[in-house]
Amino acid sequence: MRVKLEWGVWRPMTEADVPAVVAIADRVHVDYPEDDAVLSERLALYPAGCAILEQDGNATAYAITHPWHYGKPPALNVMLEALPESPTTYYIHDFALLPETRGSGAGSAIAKAVLDHARESGFSNVSLVAVNGSGPFWSRFGFEIVADPALDAKLKSYDDEARFMVRRL
């Protein structure tokens, strides 16, 4: 995914970007830590779904997405080992923007690019677990909360406010 902005560019993530991704995650997702290996594995499994926002040579945000099983979001900080042969959703694992990048339109730009990528890849839906109060952001892109008692325990492993959200394409 490549999205050129007036003041930066969302570009494909590389393995060399993983330390910057970890540094951003450590600042943004203090309550949702993931091992470096988990982030590296997502990139290795589906590089087409991973992007980094570069501004003046510095990474200020990232997006990690991949095909997955509908209604079965991966647990936090767990290795996937492989992507499904017959995925039923396009899953947004993580968007993280440094505070100084928020409100700039960067999140909206990559969200639109991810939705386009999912549609072009033939998916009928995109799903995610909204944390950090991000539900209203995702609602602006047509995501809706899906209540599923089977997911309650997994969502609580994030926190009490985590919500499973889906956007039909």
N, C-alpha and C. Protein backbone atom coordinates (compact mmCIF):
# COMPACT_ATOMS: atom_id res chain seq x y z
N MET A 1 0.84 -1.18 0.00
CA MET A 1 0.00 0.00 0.00
C MET A 1 0.88 1.24 0.00
N ARG A 2 0.60 2.10 -0.93
CA ARG A 2 1.33 3.36 -1.00
C ARG A 2 0.30 4.47 -1.14
N VAL A 3 0.35 5.42 -0.20
CA VAL A 3 -0.56 6.55 -0.23
C VAL A 3 0.28 7.80 0.00
N LYS A 4 0.34 8.65 -1.01
CA LYS A 4 1.13 9.88 -0.89
C LYS A 4 0.25 10.96 -0.27
N LEU A 5 0.78 11.57 0.76
CA LEU A 5 0.12 12.68 1.43
C LEU A 5 0.93 13.94 1.18
N GLU A 6 0.35 15.06 1.45
CA GLU A 6 1.04 16.33 1.23
C GLU A 6 2.34 16.42 2.05
N TRP A 7 2.37 15.83 3.22
CA TRP A 7 3.49 15.98 4.16
C TRP A 7 4.18 14.65 4.50
N GLY A 8 3.85 13.60 3.79
CA GLY A 8 4.48 12.30 4.06
C GLY A 8 3.92 11.25 3.13
N VAL A 9 4.32 10.01 3.36
CA VAL A 9 3.85 8.92 2.50
C VAL A 9 3.66 7.65 3.33
N TRP A 10 2.51 7.01 3.12
CA TRP A 10 2.32 5.65 3.61
C TRP A 10 2.99 4.76 2.56
N ARG A 11 3.92 3.95 2.98
CA ARG A 11 4.65 3.08 2.05
C ARG A 11 4.67 1.66 2.60
N PRO A 12 4.98 0.69 1.75
CA PRO A 12 5.06 -0.68 2.24
C PRO A 12 6.09 -0.81 3.37
N MET A 13 5.73 -1.55 4.39
CA MET A 13 6.63 -1.80 5.52
C MET A 13 7.66 -2.85 5.11
N THR A 14 8.88 -2.71 5.64
CA THR A 14 9.92 -3.71 5.42
C THR A 14 10.41 -4.21 6.78
N GLU A 15 11.16 -5.26 6.76
CA GLU A 15 11.71 -5.81 8.01
C GLU A 15 12.58 -4.77 8.72
N ALA A 16 13.25 -3.92 7.96
CA ALA A 16 14.08 -2.87 8.56
C ALA A 16 13.25 -1.86 9.35
N ASP A 17 11.93 -1.80 9.09
CA ASP A 17 11.04 -0.88 9.80
C ASP A 17 10.56 -1.41 11.14
N VAL A 18 10.75 -2.69 11.41
CA VAL A 18 10.19 -3.30 12.62
C VAL A 18 10.63 -2.58 13.89
N PRO A 19 11.90 -2.19 14.07
CA PRO A 19 12.25 -1.45 15.29
C PRO A 19 11.44 -0.16 15.45
N ALA A 20 11.19 0.55 14.36
CA ALA A 20 10.38 1.77 14.44
C ALA A 20 8.93 1.42 14.78
N VAL A 21 8.42 0.34 14.24
CA VAL A 21 7.06 -0.11 14.54
C VAL A 21 6.94 -0.43 16.03
N VAL A 22 7.92 -1.14 16.55
CA VAL A 22 7.93 -1.50 17.98
C VAL A 22 7.97 -0.24 18.83
N ALA A 23 8.78 0.74 18.44
CA ALA A 23 8.87 1.99 19.20
C ALA A 23 7.53 2.73 19.19
N ILE A 24 6.87 2.76 18.05
CA ILE A 24 5.55 3.40 17.98
C ILE A 24 4.55 2.64 18.84
N ALA A 25 4.54 1.33 18.72
CA ALA A 25 3.62 0.50 19.51
C ALA A 25 3.85 0.70 21.00
N ASP A 26 5.09 0.79 21.40
CA ASP A 26 5.41 0.98 22.82
C ASP A 26 4.87 2.30 23.36
N ARG A 27 4.79 3.31 22.50
CA ARG A 27 4.24 4.61 22.92
C ARG A 27 2.71 4.65 22.85
N VAL A 28 2.15 4.05 21.81
CA VAL A 28 0.72 4.16 21.56
C VAL A 28 -0.10 3.10 22.30
N HIS A 29 0.41 1.89 22.34
CA HIS A 29 -0.34 0.76 22.90
C HIS A 29 0.27 0.26 24.21
N VAL A 30 0.43 1.15 25.14
CA VAL A 30 1.03 0.82 26.43
C VAL A 30 0.27 -0.33 27.11
N ASP A 31 -1.05 -0.33 26.99
CA ASP A 31 -1.87 -1.35 27.65
C ASP A 31 -2.07 -2.60 26.80
N TYR A 32 -1.51 -2.63 25.59
CA TYR A 32 -1.70 -3.76 24.68
C TYR A 32 -0.36 -4.20 24.09
N PRO A 33 0.58 -4.58 24.94
CA PRO A 33 1.93 -4.89 24.44
C PRO A 33 1.96 -6.17 23.59
N GLU A 34 2.78 -6.12 22.56
CA GLU A 34 3.02 -7.30 21.73
C GLU A 34 4.52 -7.43 21.51
N ASP A 35 4.97 -8.67 21.49
CA ASP A 35 6.39 -8.94 21.27
C ASP A 35 6.81 -8.53 19.86
N ASP A 36 8.06 -8.16 19.72
CA ASP A 36 8.60 -7.80 18.41
C ASP A 36 8.35 -8.92 17.40
N ALA A 37 8.48 -10.17 17.85
CA ALA A 37 8.32 -11.31 16.96
C ALA A 37 6.91 -11.39 16.39
N VAL A 38 5.91 -10.98 17.14
CA VAL A 38 4.53 -11.00 16.65
C VAL A 38 4.37 -10.01 15.51
N LEU A 39 4.91 -8.81 15.68
CA LEU A 39 4.82 -7.79 14.64
C LEU A 39 5.62 -8.21 13.40
N SER A 40 6.79 -8.77 13.60
CA SER A 40 7.61 -9.26 12.48
C SER A 40 6.90 -10.38 11.73
N GLU A 41 6.24 -11.26 12.49
CA GLU A 41 5.56 -12.38 11.84
C GLU A 41 4.42 -11.89 10.96
N ARG A 42 3.64 -10.91 11.43
CA ARG A 42 2.53 -10.39 10.62
C ARG A 42 3.07 -9.84 9.30
N LEU A 43 4.18 -9.11 9.37
CA LEU A 43 4.80 -8.58 8.16
C LEU A 43 5.26 -9.71 7.25
N ALA A 44 5.89 -10.72 7.79
CA ALA A 44 6.38 -11.84 6.98
C ALA A 44 5.23 -12.62 6.34
N LEU A 45 4.14 -12.77 7.07
CA LEU A 45 3.01 -13.54 6.55
C LEU A 45 2.23 -12.81 5.46
N TYR A 46 2.13 -11.48 5.58
CA TYR A 46 1.33 -10.73 4.61
C TYR A 46 1.87 -9.31 4.42
N PRO A 47 3.01 -9.20 3.74
CA PRO A 47 3.61 -7.88 3.55
C PRO A 47 2.70 -6.90 2.81
N ALA A 48 1.81 -7.40 1.95
CA ALA A 48 0.92 -6.50 1.20
C ALA A 48 -0.04 -5.74 2.10
N GLY A 49 -0.20 -6.19 3.35
CA GLY A 49 -1.11 -5.53 4.27
C GLY A 49 -0.43 -4.68 5.32
N CYS A 50 0.86 -4.47 5.18
CA CYS A 50 1.62 -3.72 6.20
C CYS A 50 2.20 -2.45 5.59
N ALA A 51 1.96 -1.34 6.28
CA ALA A 51 2.44 -0.05 5.78
C ALA A 51 2.97 0.78 6.93
N ILE A 52 3.84 1.70 6.59
CA ILE A 52 4.40 2.62 7.58
C ILE A 52 4.28 4.03 7.02
N LEU A 53 3.98 4.97 7.89
CA LEU A 53 3.92 6.37 7.49
C LEU A 53 5.27 7.00 7.75
N GLU A 54 5.86 7.52 6.70
CA GLU A 54 7.17 8.16 6.81
C GLU A 54 7.02 9.65 6.56
N GLN A 55 7.53 10.43 7.52
CA GLN A 55 7.52 11.88 7.40
C GLN A 55 8.94 12.37 7.65
N ASP A 56 9.51 13.05 6.71
CA ASP A 56 10.87 13.57 6.85
C ASP A 56 11.85 12.50 7.32
N GLY A 57 11.71 11.30 6.78
CA GLY A 57 12.62 10.20 7.11
C GLY A 57 12.31 9.50 8.42
N ASN A 58 11.26 9.90 9.11
CA ASN A 58 10.90 9.27 10.39
C ASN A 58 9.57 8.54 10.28
N ALA A 59 9.50 7.38 10.92
CA ALA A 59 8.26 6.63 10.98
C ALA A 59 7.38 7.23 12.07
N THR A 60 6.13 7.57 11.71
CA THR A 60 5.23 8.19 12.68
C THR A 60 3.93 7.41 12.86
N ALA A 61 3.73 6.36 12.08
CA ALA A 61 2.53 5.55 12.21
C ALA A 61 2.75 4.24 11.44
N TYR A 62 1.90 3.25 11.75
CA TYR A 62 1.95 2.01 10.98
C TYR A 62 0.57 1.39 10.92
N ALA A 63 0.40 0.49 9.96
CA ALA A 63 -0.82 -0.30 9.80
C ALA A 63 -0.40 -1.73 9.52
N ILE A 64 -1.04 -2.68 10.23
CA ILE A 64 -0.78 -4.11 10.01
C ILE A 64 -2.13 -4.78 9.80
N THR A 65 -2.32 -5.40 8.63
CA THR A 65 -3.58 -6.02 8.26
C THR A 65 -3.29 -7.34 7.54
N HIS A 66 -4.28 -8.23 7.51
CA HIS A 66 -4.08 -9.52 6.82
C HIS A 66 -5.40 -10.28 6.70
N PRO A 67 -5.45 -11.23 5.79
CA PRO A 67 -6.63 -12.10 5.69
C PRO A 67 -6.73 -12.97 6.95
N TRP A 68 -8.00 -13.30 7.34
CA TRP A 68 -8.18 -14.11 8.55
C TRP A 68 -9.54 -14.79 8.54
N HIS A 69 -9.90 -15.37 9.69
CA HIS A 69 -11.18 -16.05 9.88
C HIS A 69 -12.19 -15.07 10.49
N TYR A 70 -13.37 -14.95 9.87
CA TYR A 70 -14.38 -14.06 10.40
C TYR A 70 -14.83 -14.52 11.79
N GLY A 71 -14.97 -13.55 12.69
CA GLY A 71 -15.46 -13.84 14.04
C GLY A 71 -14.47 -14.52 14.95
N LYS A 72 -13.21 -14.62 14.50
CA LYS A 72 -12.17 -15.25 15.31
C LYS A 72 -10.92 -14.38 15.35
N PRO A 73 -11.04 -13.17 15.89
CA PRO A 73 -9.85 -12.31 15.91
C PRO A 73 -8.74 -12.97 16.72
N PRO A 74 -7.51 -12.84 16.24
CA PRO A 74 -6.39 -13.42 16.99
C PRO A 74 -6.29 -12.78 18.38
N ALA A 75 -5.89 -13.58 19.35
CA ALA A 75 -5.65 -13.05 20.69
C ALA A 75 -4.46 -12.09 20.64
N LEU A 76 -4.42 -11.21 21.58
CA LEU A 76 -3.33 -10.25 21.68
C LEU A 76 -2.01 -10.97 21.94
N ASN A 77 -0.97 -10.56 21.25
CA ASN A 77 0.39 -11.05 21.45
C ASN A 77 0.53 -12.55 21.21
N VAL A 78 -0.11 -13.04 20.15
CA VAL A 78 -0.04 -14.46 19.81
C VAL A 78 0.45 -14.60 18.37
N MET A 79 1.36 -15.52 18.16
CA MET A 79 1.85 -15.81 16.82
C MET A 79 0.75 -16.53 16.03
N LEU A 80 0.64 -16.23 14.75
CA LEU A 80 -0.36 -16.86 13.90
C LEU A 80 0.15 -18.15 13.28
N GLU A 81 1.42 -18.22 12.98
CA GLU A 81 2.11 -19.33 12.34
C GLU A 81 1.81 -19.44 10.85
N ALA A 82 0.57 -19.17 10.45
CA ALA A 82 0.21 -19.21 9.03
C ALA A 82 -1.11 -18.46 8.85
N LEU A 83 -1.34 -18.02 7.63
CA LEU A 83 -2.63 -17.42 7.30
C LEU A 83 -3.55 -18.53 6.81
N PRO A 84 -4.85 -18.37 6.96
CA PRO A 84 -5.77 -19.43 6.52
C PRO A 84 -5.77 -19.60 5.01
N GLU A 85 -5.98 -20.84 4.56
CA GLU A 85 -6.06 -21.11 3.13
C GLU A 85 -7.33 -20.52 2.54
N SER A 86 -8.39 -20.49 3.32
CA SER A 86 -9.67 -19.95 2.87
C SER A 86 -10.14 -18.88 3.86
N PRO A 87 -9.54 -17.69 3.81
CA PRO A 87 -9.93 -16.64 4.76
C PRO A 87 -11.35 -16.15 4.48
N THR A 88 -12.01 -15.69 5.55
CA THR A 88 -13.39 -15.23 5.42
C THR A 88 -13.56 -13.77 5.86
N THR A 89 -12.46 -13.10 6.18
CA THR A 89 -12.49 -11.68 6.49
C THR A 89 -11.12 -11.10 6.20
N TYR A 90 -11.10 -9.80 5.98
CA TYR A 90 -9.84 -9.09 5.94
C TYR A 90 -9.73 -8.41 7.30
N TYR A 91 -8.67 -8.74 8.04
CA TYR A 91 -8.57 -8.33 9.44
C TYR A 91 -7.58 -7.19 9.62
N ILE A 92 -8.01 -6.15 10.32
CA ILE A 92 -7.11 -5.06 10.68
C ILE A 92 -6.55 -5.39 12.06
N HIS A 93 -5.31 -5.80 12.08
CA HIS A 93 -4.65 -6.16 13.33
C HIS A 93 -4.34 -4.92 14.16
N ASP A 94 -3.80 -3.89 13.50
CA ASP A 94 -3.38 -2.72 14.27
C ASP A 94 -3.14 -1.52 13.37
N PHE A 95 -3.64 -0.38 13.81
CA PHE A 95 -3.26 0.93 13.30
C PHE A 95 -2.70 1.65 14.51
N ALA A 96 -1.57 2.28 14.38
CA ALA A 96 -1.01 3.06 15.49
C ALA A 96 -0.39 4.33 14.92
N LEU A 97 -0.86 5.46 15.42
CA LEU A 97 -0.34 6.76 15.00
C LEU A 97 0.20 7.47 16.23
N LEU A 98 1.40 8.00 16.11
CA LEU A 98 1.94 8.80 17.21
C LEU A 98 1.02 10.00 17.44
N PRO A 99 0.95 10.48 18.67
CA PRO A 99 0.04 11.59 18.98
C PRO A 99 0.19 12.79 18.05
N GLU A 100 1.40 13.10 17.67
CA GLU A 100 1.63 14.27 16.82
C GLU A 100 1.12 14.05 15.39
N THR A 101 0.79 12.83 15.03
CA THR A 101 0.29 12.51 13.68
C THR A 101 -1.24 12.49 13.64
N ARG A 102 -1.86 12.28 14.78
CA ARG A 102 -3.32 12.20 14.83
C ARG A 102 -3.95 13.52 14.42
N GLY A 103 -5.09 13.41 13.75
CA GLY A 103 -5.80 14.60 13.30
C GLY A 103 -5.29 15.17 12.00
N SER A 104 -4.28 14.52 11.43
CA SER A 104 -3.67 15.02 10.19
C SER A 104 -4.31 14.46 8.93
N GLY A 105 -5.18 13.48 9.09
CA GLY A 105 -5.76 12.80 7.93
C GLY A 105 -5.02 11.53 7.56
N ALA A 106 -3.91 11.25 8.24
CA ALA A 106 -3.12 10.07 7.92
C ALA A 106 -3.89 8.78 8.21
N GLY A 107 -4.61 8.74 9.33
CA GLY A 107 -5.39 7.55 9.67
C GLY A 107 -6.49 7.31 8.67
N SER A 108 -7.18 8.36 8.27
CA SER A 108 -8.25 8.22 7.28
C SER A 108 -7.70 7.75 5.94
N ALA A 109 -6.55 8.27 5.56
CA ALA A 109 -5.95 7.88 4.27
C ALA A 109 -5.61 6.40 4.23
N ILE A 110 -5.02 5.88 5.30
CA ILE A 110 -4.66 4.46 5.27
C ILE A 110 -5.89 3.59 5.47
N ALA A 111 -6.87 4.05 6.23
CA ALA A 111 -8.11 3.27 6.38
C ALA A 111 -8.77 3.08 5.02
N LYS A 112 -8.86 4.14 4.24
CA LYS A 112 -9.45 4.05 2.90
C LYS A 112 -8.64 3.11 2.02
N ALA A 113 -7.32 3.19 2.10
CA ALA A 113 -6.46 2.32 1.30
C ALA A 113 -6.64 0.85 1.69
N VAL A 114 -6.78 0.59 2.98
CA VAL A 114 -6.98 -0.79 3.44
C VAL A 114 -8.32 -1.32 2.96
N LEU A 115 -9.37 -0.51 3.06
CA LEU A 115 -10.68 -0.94 2.58
C LEU A 115 -10.65 -1.21 1.08
N ASP A 116 -9.98 -0.36 0.32
CA ASP A 116 -9.84 -0.59 -1.12
C ASP A 116 -9.08 -1.88 -1.39
N HIS A 117 -7.99 -2.11 -0.66
CA HIS A 117 -7.19 -3.33 -0.84
C HIS A 117 -8.04 -4.57 -0.54
N ALA A 118 -8.81 -4.53 0.54
CA ALA A 118 -9.67 -5.67 0.90
C ALA A 118 -10.70 -5.93 -0.20
N ARG A 119 -11.33 -4.88 -0.68
CA ARG A 119 -12.34 -5.01 -1.74
C ARG A 119 -11.70 -5.58 -3.01
N GLU A 120 -10.56 -5.02 -3.41
CA GLU A 120 -9.87 -5.48 -4.62
C GLU A 120 -9.38 -6.92 -4.48
N SER A 121 -9.14 -7.35 -3.25
CA SER A 121 -8.69 -8.73 -3.00
C SER A 121 -9.85 -9.71 -2.91
N GLY A 122 -11.08 -9.21 -3.05
CA GLY A 122 -12.24 -10.08 -3.11
C GLY A 122 -12.93 -10.37 -1.79
N PHE A 123 -12.59 -9.65 -0.75
CA PHE A 123 -13.22 -9.88 0.55
C PHE A 123 -14.59 -9.20 0.60
N SER A 124 -15.51 -9.81 1.33
CA SER A 124 -16.85 -9.24 1.48
C SER A 124 -16.99 -8.45 2.77
N ASN A 125 -15.97 -8.53 3.62
CA ASN A 125 -16.02 -7.78 4.89
C ASN A 125 -14.61 -7.54 5.42
N VAL A 126 -14.53 -6.56 6.32
CA VAL A 126 -13.29 -6.25 7.04
C VAL A 126 -13.67 -6.23 8.51
N SER A 127 -12.81 -6.83 9.35
CA SER A 127 -13.11 -6.86 10.79
C SER A 127 -11.90 -6.41 11.60
N LEU A 128 -12.19 -6.06 12.86
CA LEU A 128 -11.13 -5.60 13.75
C LEU A 128 -11.63 -5.62 15.19
N VAL A 129 -10.71 -5.48 16.12
CA VAL A 129 -11.05 -5.27 17.53
C VAL A 129 -10.66 -3.83 17.83
N ALA A 130 -11.67 -3.02 18.16
CA ALA A 130 -11.43 -1.61 18.46
C ALA A 130 -11.02 -1.47 19.93
N VAL A 131 -9.88 -0.83 20.16
CA VAL A 131 -9.38 -0.56 21.51
C VAL A 131 -8.98 0.91 21.59
N ASN A 132 -8.60 1.34 22.77
CA ASN A 132 -8.13 2.72 22.97
C ASN A 132 -9.16 3.76 22.55
N GLY A 133 -10.44 3.43 22.67
CA GLY A 133 -11.47 4.39 22.32
C GLY A 133 -11.57 4.66 20.83
N SER A 134 -11.11 3.73 19.99
CA SER A 134 -11.08 3.96 18.54
C SER A 134 -12.40 3.65 17.82
N GLY A 135 -13.40 3.15 18.55
CA GLY A 135 -14.67 2.82 17.92
C GLY A 135 -15.27 3.93 17.07
N PRO A 136 -15.34 5.18 17.58
CA PRO A 136 -15.89 6.26 16.76
C PRO A 136 -15.12 6.50 15.45
N PHE A 137 -13.80 6.35 15.50
CA PHE A 137 -13.00 6.48 14.26
C PHE A 137 -13.47 5.45 13.25
N TRP A 138 -13.56 4.19 13.67
CA TRP A 138 -13.94 3.13 12.75
C TRP A 138 -15.38 3.27 12.28
N SER A 139 -16.25 3.78 13.12
CA SER A 139 -17.65 3.99 12.73
C SER A 139 -17.75 4.93 11.54
N ARG A 140 -16.86 5.90 11.47
CA ARG A 140 -16.87 6.85 10.33
C ARG A 140 -16.63 6.15 9.00
N PHE A 141 -16.06 4.96 9.03
CA PHE A 141 -15.77 4.21 7.81
C PHE A 141 -16.76 3.07 7.59
N GLY A 142 -17.87 3.13 8.33
CA GLY A 142 -18.92 2.14 8.13
C GLY A 142 -18.80 0.88 8.97
N PHE A 143 -17.86 0.85 9.91
CA PHE A 143 -17.75 -0.31 10.79
C PHE A 143 -18.85 -0.24 11.84
N GLU A 144 -19.38 -1.42 12.16
CA GLU A 144 -20.41 -1.51 13.18
C GLU A 144 -19.99 -2.53 14.24
N ILE A 145 -20.37 -2.27 15.47
CA ILE A 145 -20.09 -3.22 16.55
C ILE A 145 -20.95 -4.45 16.35
N VAL A 146 -20.32 -5.61 16.47
CA VAL A 146 -21.03 -6.89 16.38
C VAL A 146 -20.91 -7.55 17.74
N ALA A 147 -22.02 -7.72 18.40
CA ALA A 147 -22.03 -8.38 19.70
C ALA A 147 -22.09 -9.89 19.47
N ASP A 148 -21.14 -10.59 20.03
CA ASP A 148 -21.09 -12.04 19.91
C ASP A 148 -20.60 -12.60 21.24
N PRO A 149 -21.50 -13.22 22.01
CA PRO A 149 -21.10 -13.75 23.32
C PRO A 149 -19.90 -14.71 23.25
N ALA A 150 -19.72 -15.37 22.12
CA ALA A 150 -18.59 -16.28 21.97
C ALA A 150 -17.26 -15.54 21.99
N LEU A 151 -17.29 -14.23 21.71
CA LEU A 151 -16.06 -13.42 21.69
C LEU A 151 -15.80 -12.69 22.99
N ASP A 152 -16.75 -12.71 23.91
CA ASP A 152 -16.63 -11.90 25.13
C ASP A 152 -15.33 -12.14 25.89
N ALA A 153 -14.95 -13.38 26.11
CA ALA A 153 -13.73 -13.67 26.87
C ALA A 153 -12.49 -13.16 26.14
N LYS A 154 -12.44 -13.37 24.83
CA LYS A 154 -11.28 -12.91 24.06
C LYS A 154 -11.18 -11.39 24.10
N LEU A 155 -12.32 -10.70 23.95
CA LEU A 155 -12.30 -9.24 23.97
C LEU A 155 -11.87 -8.71 25.34
N LYS A 156 -12.27 -9.38 26.40
CA LYS A 156 -11.87 -8.95 27.74
C LYS A 156 -10.36 -9.11 27.95
N SER A 157 -9.71 -9.98 27.15
CA SER A 157 -8.25 -10.11 27.27
C SER A 157 -7.55 -8.83 26.81
N TYR A 158 -8.25 -8.01 26.01
CA TYR A 158 -7.74 -6.69 25.63
C TYR A 158 -8.06 -5.72 26.77
N ASP A 159 -9.37 -5.50 26.98
CA ASP A 159 -9.86 -4.70 28.10
C ASP A 159 -11.39 -4.72 28.05
N ASP A 160 -12.03 -4.11 29.03
CA ASP A 160 -13.49 -4.13 29.11
C ASP A 160 -14.16 -3.30 28.01
N GLU A 161 -13.41 -2.40 27.39
CA GLU A 161 -13.98 -1.53 26.36
C GLU A 161 -13.75 -2.04 24.94
N ALA A 162 -13.00 -3.14 24.76
CA ALA A 162 -12.71 -3.67 23.43
C ALA A 162 -14.01 -4.11 22.75
N ARG A 163 -14.12 -3.81 21.46
CA ARG A 163 -15.31 -4.14 20.69
C ARG A 163 -14.92 -4.77 19.36
N PHE A 164 -15.63 -5.84 19.00
CA PHE A 164 -15.46 -6.45 17.69
C PHE A 164 -16.30 -5.64 16.71
N MET A 165 -15.67 -5.18 15.63
CA MET A 165 -16.37 -4.34 14.66
C MET A 165 -16.17 -4.91 13.25
N VAL A 166 -17.20 -4.72 12.43
CA VAL A 166 -17.18 -5.26 11.06
C VAL A 166 -17.69 -4.21 10.07
N ARG A 167 -17.08 -4.20 8.93
CA ARG A 167 -17.53 -3.36 7.79
C ARG A 167 -17.80 -4.30 6.63
N ARG A 168 -19.02 -4.30 6.15
CA ARG A 168 -19.37 -5.08 4.94
C ARG A 168 -18.90 -4.29 3.73
N LEU A 169 -18.40 -5.03 2.75
CA LEU A 169 -17.91 -4.38 1.51
C LEU A 169 -18.88 -4.66 0.36
